Protein backbone atom coordinates (compact mmCIF):
# COMPACT_ATOMS: atom_id res chain seq x y z
CA UNK A 1 -30.77 -22.85 39.49
CA UNK A 2 -27.38 -24.47 38.84
CA UNK A 3 -29.10 -27.45 37.19
CA UNK A 4 -31.06 -25.26 34.77
CA UNK A 5 -27.91 -23.34 33.81
CA UNK A 6 -26.28 -26.70 33.07
CA UNK A 7 -29.18 -27.69 30.84
CA UNK A 8 -28.93 -24.42 28.90
CA UNK A 9 -25.19 -24.97 28.39
CA UNK A 10 -25.91 -28.50 27.24
CA UNK A 11 -28.35 -27.23 24.62
CA UNK A 12 -25.70 -24.90 23.26
CA UNK A 13 -23.04 -27.62 23.23
CA UNK A 14 -25.10 -30.38 21.60
CA UNK A 15 -24.04 -31.47 18.12
CA UNK A 16 -25.57 -29.62 15.22
CA UNK A 17 -27.37 -32.82 14.15
CA UNK A 18 -29.67 -32.44 17.15
CA UNK A 19 -30.98 -29.17 15.75
CA UNK A 20 -31.89 -30.88 12.48
CA UNK A 21 -34.71 -32.82 14.10
CA UNK A 22 -38.00 -31.63 12.66
CA UNK A 23 -41.13 -32.63 14.52
CA UNK A 24 -43.39 -31.70 11.61
CA UNK A 25 -41.67 -34.26 9.39
CA UNK A 26 -41.97 -36.88 12.14
CA UNK A 27 -45.67 -36.11 12.59
CA UNK A 28 -46.33 -36.47 8.87
CA UNK A 29 -44.48 -39.78 8.88
CA UNK A 30 -46.52 -40.95 11.88
CA UNK A 31 -49.75 -40.22 10.00
CA UNK A 32 -48.57 -42.30 7.05
CA UNK A 33 -49.66 -45.53 8.71
CA UNK A 34 -48.89 -47.70 5.67
CA UNK A 35 -45.27 -46.54 5.62
CA UNK A 36 -42.49 -49.09 6.10
CA UNK A 37 -40.22 -46.39 7.48
CA UNK A 38 -39.48 -47.35 11.09
CA UNK A 39 -40.09 -44.74 13.79
CA UNK A 40 -37.70 -45.14 16.73
CA UNK A 41 -38.93 -44.64 20.30
CA UNK A 42 -36.33 -44.21 23.05
CA UNK A 43 -37.57 -45.75 26.31
CA UNK A 44 -37.17 -43.20 29.15
CA UNK A 45 -34.90 -41.20 26.88
CA UNK A 46 -31.24 -42.16 26.60
CA UNK A 47 -31.24 -43.58 30.12
CA UNK A 48 -28.10 -45.61 29.50
CA UNK A 49 -26.12 -42.36 29.44
CA UNK A 50 -28.22 -40.07 31.64
CA UNK A 51 -30.68 -40.39 34.53
CA UNK A 52 -33.95 -41.84 33.23
CA UNK A 53 -36.75 -39.33 32.60
CA UNK A 54 -34.32 -36.43 32.96
CA UNK A 55 -33.96 -33.44 30.64
CA UNK A 56 -30.45 -34.69 29.87
CA UNK A 57 -31.82 -38.11 28.82
CA UNK A 58 -34.27 -36.32 26.53
CA UNK A 59 -31.56 -34.11 25.02
CA UNK A 60 -29.23 -37.04 24.39
CA UNK A 61 -32.03 -38.99 22.69
CA UNK A 62 -32.80 -36.04 20.43
CA UNK A 63 -29.12 -35.62 19.60
CA UNK A 64 -29.04 -39.31 18.71
CA UNK A 65 -31.80 -38.73 16.17
CA UNK A 66 -34.76 -40.67 17.60
CA UNK A 67 -38.31 -39.78 16.58
CA UNK A 68 -40.19 -40.31 19.84
CA UNK A 69 -39.05 -40.19 23.47
CA UNK A 70 -40.94 -42.20 26.07
CA UNK A 71 -41.52 -40.35 29.33
CA UNK A 72 -43.45 -41.49 32.40
CA UNK A 73 -45.97 -39.21 34.07
CA UNK A 74 -46.88 -39.00 37.77
CA UNK A 75 -48.93 -36.41 39.70
CA UNK A 76 -47.75 -34.69 42.88
CA UNK A 77 -49.82 -33.97 45.97
CA UNK A 78 -50.49 -30.45 44.68
CA UNK A 79 -51.60 -31.69 41.26
CA UNK A 80 -48.45 -31.05 39.22
CA UNK A 81 -47.40 -33.50 36.49
CA UNK A 82 -43.79 -34.62 36.68
CA UNK A 83 -41.56 -37.18 34.93
CA UNK A 84 -40.97 -40.36 36.92
CA UNK A 85 -41.61 -44.03 36.27
CA UNK A 86 -42.27 -45.27 39.81
CA UNK A 87 -44.99 -44.18 42.21
CA UNK A 88 -42.27 -43.36 44.74
CA UNK A 89 -39.09 -41.30 44.45
CA UNK A 90 -37.03 -43.96 46.25
CA UNK A 91 -35.36 -45.74 43.31
CA UNK A 92 -34.54 -42.82 41.03
CA UNK A 93 -33.70 -40.01 43.48
CA UNK A 94 -31.94 -39.39 46.77
CA UNK A 95 -35.30 -38.99 48.48
CA UNK A 96 -38.02 -41.25 49.83
CA UNK A 97 -41.80 -41.26 49.71
CA UNK A 98 -44.80 -41.55 47.43
CA UNK A 99 -45.11 -38.86 44.78
CA UNK A 100 -48.79 -38.45 45.62
CA UNK A 101 -47.73 -37.40 49.16
CA UNK A 102 -45.09 -34.89 48.04
CA UNK A 103 -45.50 -31.38 46.65
CA UNK A 104 -43.65 -30.17 43.57
CA UNK A 105 -41.50 -27.92 45.76
CA UNK A 106 -40.46 -30.92 47.85
CA UNK A 107 -39.63 -32.96 44.76
CA UNK A 108 -37.65 -30.04 43.29
CA UNK A 109 -35.17 -30.43 46.14
CA UNK A 110 -34.34 -34.00 45.17
CA UNK A 111 -31.62 -35.14 42.78
CA UNK A 112 -31.88 -37.94 40.24
CA UNK A 113 -29.74 -41.08 40.34
CA UNK A 114 -27.99 -42.38 37.24
CA UNK A 115 -27.88 -45.94 35.92
CA UNK A 116 -25.28 -47.01 38.49
CA UNK A 117 -27.32 -45.52 41.35
CA UNK A 118 -25.12 -42.48 41.91
CA UNK A 119 -26.80 -39.19 42.80
CA UNK A 120 -26.34 -36.56 40.08
CA UNK A 121 -26.87 -32.81 39.79
CA UNK A 122 -30.02 -33.39 37.73
CA UNK A 123 -33.46 -32.74 39.18
CA UNK A 124 -36.94 -34.06 38.41
CA UNK A 125 -38.52 -32.24 35.43
CA UNK A 126 -42.16 -31.29 35.06
CA UNK A 127 -44.14 -32.32 31.99
CA UNK A 128 -44.18 -28.68 30.94
CA UNK A 129 -40.37 -28.47 31.05
CA UNK A 130 -40.07 -31.70 29.07
CA UNK A 131 -42.44 -30.48 26.37
CA UNK A 132 -40.54 -27.22 26.02
CA UNK A 133 -37.33 -29.26 25.69
CA UNK A 134 -38.67 -31.37 22.80
CA UNK A 135 -40.71 -28.64 21.12
CA UNK A 136 -40.08 -28.58 17.37
CA UNK A 137 -37.56 -31.44 17.51
CA UNK A 138 -39.20 -34.71 18.55
CA UNK A 139 -42.40 -36.34 19.75
CA UNK A 140 -43.07 -37.88 23.16
CA UNK A 141 -44.75 -41.10 24.23
CA UNK A 142 -46.72 -40.27 27.38
CA UNK A 143 -46.63 -43.43 29.47
CA UNK A 144 -48.57 -43.84 32.73
CA UNK A 145 -50.58 -40.78 31.71
CA UNK A 146 -54.01 -42.30 30.97
CA UNK A 147 -55.54 -41.07 34.24
CA UNK A 148 -54.09 -37.57 33.73
CA UNK A 149 -54.93 -36.99 30.08
CA UNK A 150 -57.04 -33.87 30.69
CA UNK A 151 -54.31 -32.23 32.79
CA UNK A 152 -51.62 -33.26 30.31
CA UNK A 153 -53.63 -31.93 27.39
CA UNK A 154 -53.90 -28.54 29.11
CA UNK A 155 -50.11 -28.43 29.50
CA UNK A 156 -49.60 -29.36 25.85
CA UNK A 157 -52.01 -26.60 24.83
CA UNK A 158 -50.08 -24.11 26.96
CA UNK A 159 -46.75 -25.11 25.42
CA UNK A 160 -48.06 -25.44 21.85
CA UNK A 161 -47.14 -29.12 21.68
CA UNK A 162 -50.45 -31.00 21.43
CA UNK A 163 -49.37 -32.62 18.15
CA UNK A 164 -46.01 -33.63 19.68
CA UNK A 165 -47.52 -36.24 21.98
CA UNK A 166 -48.79 -39.80 21.83
CA UNK A 167 -51.41 -40.52 24.48
CA UNK A 168 -52.14 -44.18 25.19
CA UNK A 169 -53.93 -46.70 27.34
CA UNK A 170 -55.12 -50.27 27.73
CA UNK A 171 -58.82 -49.46 28.14
CA UNK A 172 -61.42 -50.84 25.74
CA UNK A 173 -63.04 -48.60 23.12
CA UNK A 174 -66.27 -47.89 25.03
CA UNK A 175 -64.40 -46.75 28.15
CA UNK A 176 -61.97 -44.56 26.20
CA UNK A 177 -64.81 -42.94 24.27
CA UNK A 178 -66.85 -42.31 27.41
CA UNK A 179 -63.95 -40.85 29.38
CA UNK A 180 -61.96 -39.01 26.72
CA UNK A 181 -64.26 -38.66 23.72
CA UNK A 182 -63.88 -34.88 23.94
CA UNK A 183 -60.14 -35.19 23.24
CA UNK A 184 -59.93 -37.95 20.65
CA UNK A 185 -60.24 -35.69 17.59
CA UNK A 186 -57.51 -33.39 18.97
CA UNK A 187 -54.78 -35.87 19.94
CA UNK A 188 -52.85 -38.90 18.71
CA UNK A 189 -54.14 -41.90 20.65
CA UNK A 190 -52.39 -45.28 20.83
CA UNK A 191 -54.19 -48.42 22.00
CA UNK A 192 -52.17 -50.93 24.01
CA UNK A 193 -53.31 -54.52 23.38
CA UNK A 194 -52.02 -57.76 24.87
CA UNK A 195 -52.26 -60.23 21.98
CA UNK A 196 -52.13 -63.14 24.44
CA UNK A 197 -55.60 -62.18 25.72
CA UNK A 198 -58.51 -64.17 24.22
CA UNK A 199 -60.41 -61.01 23.25
CA UNK A 200 -57.45 -59.29 21.54
CA UNK A 201 -58.93 -59.54 18.05
CA UNK A 202 -62.26 -58.08 19.22
CA UNK A 203 -60.46 -55.29 21.07
CA UNK A 204 -58.50 -54.33 17.96
CA UNK A 205 -61.59 -54.43 15.77
CA UNK A 206 -63.66 -52.28 18.14
CA UNK A 207 -60.84 -49.79 18.68
CA UNK A 208 -60.33 -49.36 14.93
CA UNK A 209 -64.07 -48.96 14.38
CA UNK A 210 -64.86 -46.59 17.25
CA UNK A 211 -61.61 -44.79 18.19
CA UNK A 212 -59.33 -45.11 15.14
CA UNK A 213 -56.04 -44.98 17.06
CA UNK A 214 -52.99 -43.81 15.16
CA UNK A 215 -51.17 -46.97 16.31
CA UNK A 216 -51.49 -50.15 18.32
CA UNK A 217 -48.80 -50.93 20.87
CA UNK A 218 -48.94 -54.71 21.00
CA UNK A 219 -47.57 -57.14 23.58
CA UNK A 220 -47.15 -60.88 23.08
CA UNK A 221 -45.19 -63.61 24.85
CA UNK A 222 -45.43 -66.21 22.07
CA UNK A 223 -45.17 -65.93 18.30
CA UNK A 224 -48.26 -67.97 17.40
CA UNK A 225 -50.55 -67.99 14.37
CA UNK A 226 -53.14 -66.00 16.33
CA UNK A 227 -50.58 -63.32 17.11
CA UNK A 228 -49.51 -63.10 13.47
CA UNK A 229 -53.16 -62.67 12.39
CA UNK A 230 -53.67 -59.78 14.79
CA UNK A 231 -50.43 -58.12 13.69
CA UNK A 232 -51.69 -58.16 10.10
CA UNK A 233 -55.08 -56.81 11.17
CA UNK A 234 -53.47 -53.73 12.72
CA UNK A 235 -51.60 -52.68 9.58
CA UNK A 236 -54.36 -53.68 7.15
CA UNK A 237 -56.91 -51.42 8.84
CA UNK A 238 -55.03 -48.14 8.92
CA UNK A 239 -52.91 -47.97 12.07
CA UNK A 240 -49.21 -48.13 12.74
CA UNK A 241 -47.88 -51.26 14.42
CA UNK A 242 -45.80 -50.54 17.51
CA UNK A 243 -43.76 -53.33 19.13
CA UNK A 244 -41.56 -53.04 22.21
CA UNK A 245 -38.16 -54.72 22.01
CA UNK A 246 -37.37 -53.77 25.61
CA UNK A 247 -37.49 -57.25 27.10
CA UNK A 248 -38.43 -60.78 26.10
CA UNK A 249 -41.91 -60.94 27.63
CA UNK A 250 -43.11 -58.06 25.46
CA UNK A 251 -42.12 -59.51 22.08
CA UNK A 252 -41.82 -63.29 22.38
CA UNK A 253 -38.08 -63.13 22.99
CA UNK A 254 -37.12 -61.04 19.94
CA UNK A 255 -35.77 -58.33 22.22
CA UNK A 256 -32.95 -55.85 22.76
CA UNK A 257 -30.76 -58.41 24.51
CA UNK A 258 -31.00 -60.79 21.55
CA UNK A 259 -30.09 -57.89 19.26
CA UNK A 260 -26.66 -57.79 20.90
CA UNK A 261 -25.78 -61.03 19.07
CA UNK A 262 -28.54 -61.63 16.51
CA UNK A 263 -30.18 -58.57 14.98
CA UNK A 264 -31.85 -60.66 12.27
CA UNK A 265 -33.97 -62.49 14.84
CA UNK A 266 -34.56 -59.46 17.04
CA UNK A 267 -35.01 -56.11 15.27
CA UNK A 268 -35.18 -57.82 11.89
CA UNK A 269 -37.84 -60.30 12.99
CA UNK A 270 -40.05 -57.60 14.50
CA UNK A 271 -39.86 -55.53 11.32
CA UNK A 272 -40.65 -58.58 9.21
CA UNK A 273 -43.90 -58.96 11.16
CA UNK A 274 -44.93 -55.48 10.05
CA UNK A 275 -43.72 -53.27 12.89
CA UNK A 276 -43.18 -49.69 11.77
CA UNK A 277 -42.66 -48.33 15.29
CA UNK A 278 -40.12 -49.87 17.67
CA UNK A 279 -39.55 -48.87 21.28
CA UNK A 280 -36.12 -49.81 22.60
CA UNK A 281 -33.75 -49.39 25.52
CA UNK A 282 -30.86 -49.25 23.02
CA UNK A 283 -31.93 -46.56 20.54
CA UNK A 284 -28.47 -46.07 19.03
CA UNK A 285 -28.20 -49.80 18.28
CA UNK A 286 -31.59 -49.74 16.58
CA UNK A 287 -30.81 -46.59 14.60
CA UNK A 288 -27.55 -48.13 13.39
CA UNK A 289 -29.36 -51.32 12.35
CA UNK A 290 -32.04 -49.39 10.44
CA UNK A 291 -29.54 -47.19 8.67
CA UNK A 292 -27.33 -50.14 7.75
CA UNK A 293 -30.31 -51.98 6.25
CA UNK A 294 -31.81 -48.85 4.63
CA UNK A 295 -35.00 -49.16 6.67
CA UNK A 296 -35.13 -45.55 7.77
CA UNK A 297 -35.28 -42.39 5.73
CA UNK A 298 -33.94 -39.01 6.79
CA UNK A 299 -36.57 -37.11 8.78
CA UNK A 300 -34.57 -33.90 9.02
CA UNK A 301 -36.01 -30.83 7.27
CA UNK A 302 -35.32 -30.50 3.59
CA UNK A 303 -33.67 -27.32 2.39
CA UNK A 304 -34.20 -25.66 -0.96
CA UNK A 305 -31.26 -25.93 -3.31
């Protein structure tokens, strides 16, 4: 109970700028796949300043002004969807064990660790709690959720946040259509493609023909001519291009760490290749870069004068 009171007090105390976030404006921008306006995705929320996948990390990311917050989904023994990256609670809480072997009540008793491994007052949120926290203010990127899409969709329906979420997966078009065809016209789906794979071009072509994802989240370890061709194919055929700057192996070395000393060859390089969605572990650094270079327009609601 004490934790939830703390969260309520946090909501009251957050800067007014956090309340200016308007999810409807973000959604409309997402749908404008040809746009050069960069959507910012905060990996695990603002985990540098709060426990990862916590409600506090979500709130801090919203206050920062990001568009999308990445959260990781796991399912408990009693079928409840919670926020946690790992399959066990060992690394991020003061408990031990596999999530699949623990009930929600057991996980509720645990406390999250922060970035320096200290136990905090914060507890593990459910997907429902996270969606209520972002409702009306930001979108979420549902990672590790492909196997739970039906359950997650039901929660989003319950909370009135279906259009707040990006579902995603690495499966090929035929498998996605067979398993989740009943949802595809109701949700935003993102296809994850490794551009290093020999069939990447075929995968992109089939996904755009049969699924029409709102975006492609692409991974590549080398910046080769083949990679550049596939990056162009994504944007030319009506989808947003999502690149992760989290670490070098996801973006051929043009990553967050490089951005500390050379933004031109990190964030700047990724944008030059056509990226109009960037997922980062340093969202404030990326926001500052975009604002400085006039690569991001205001997505707060417009008021009548």
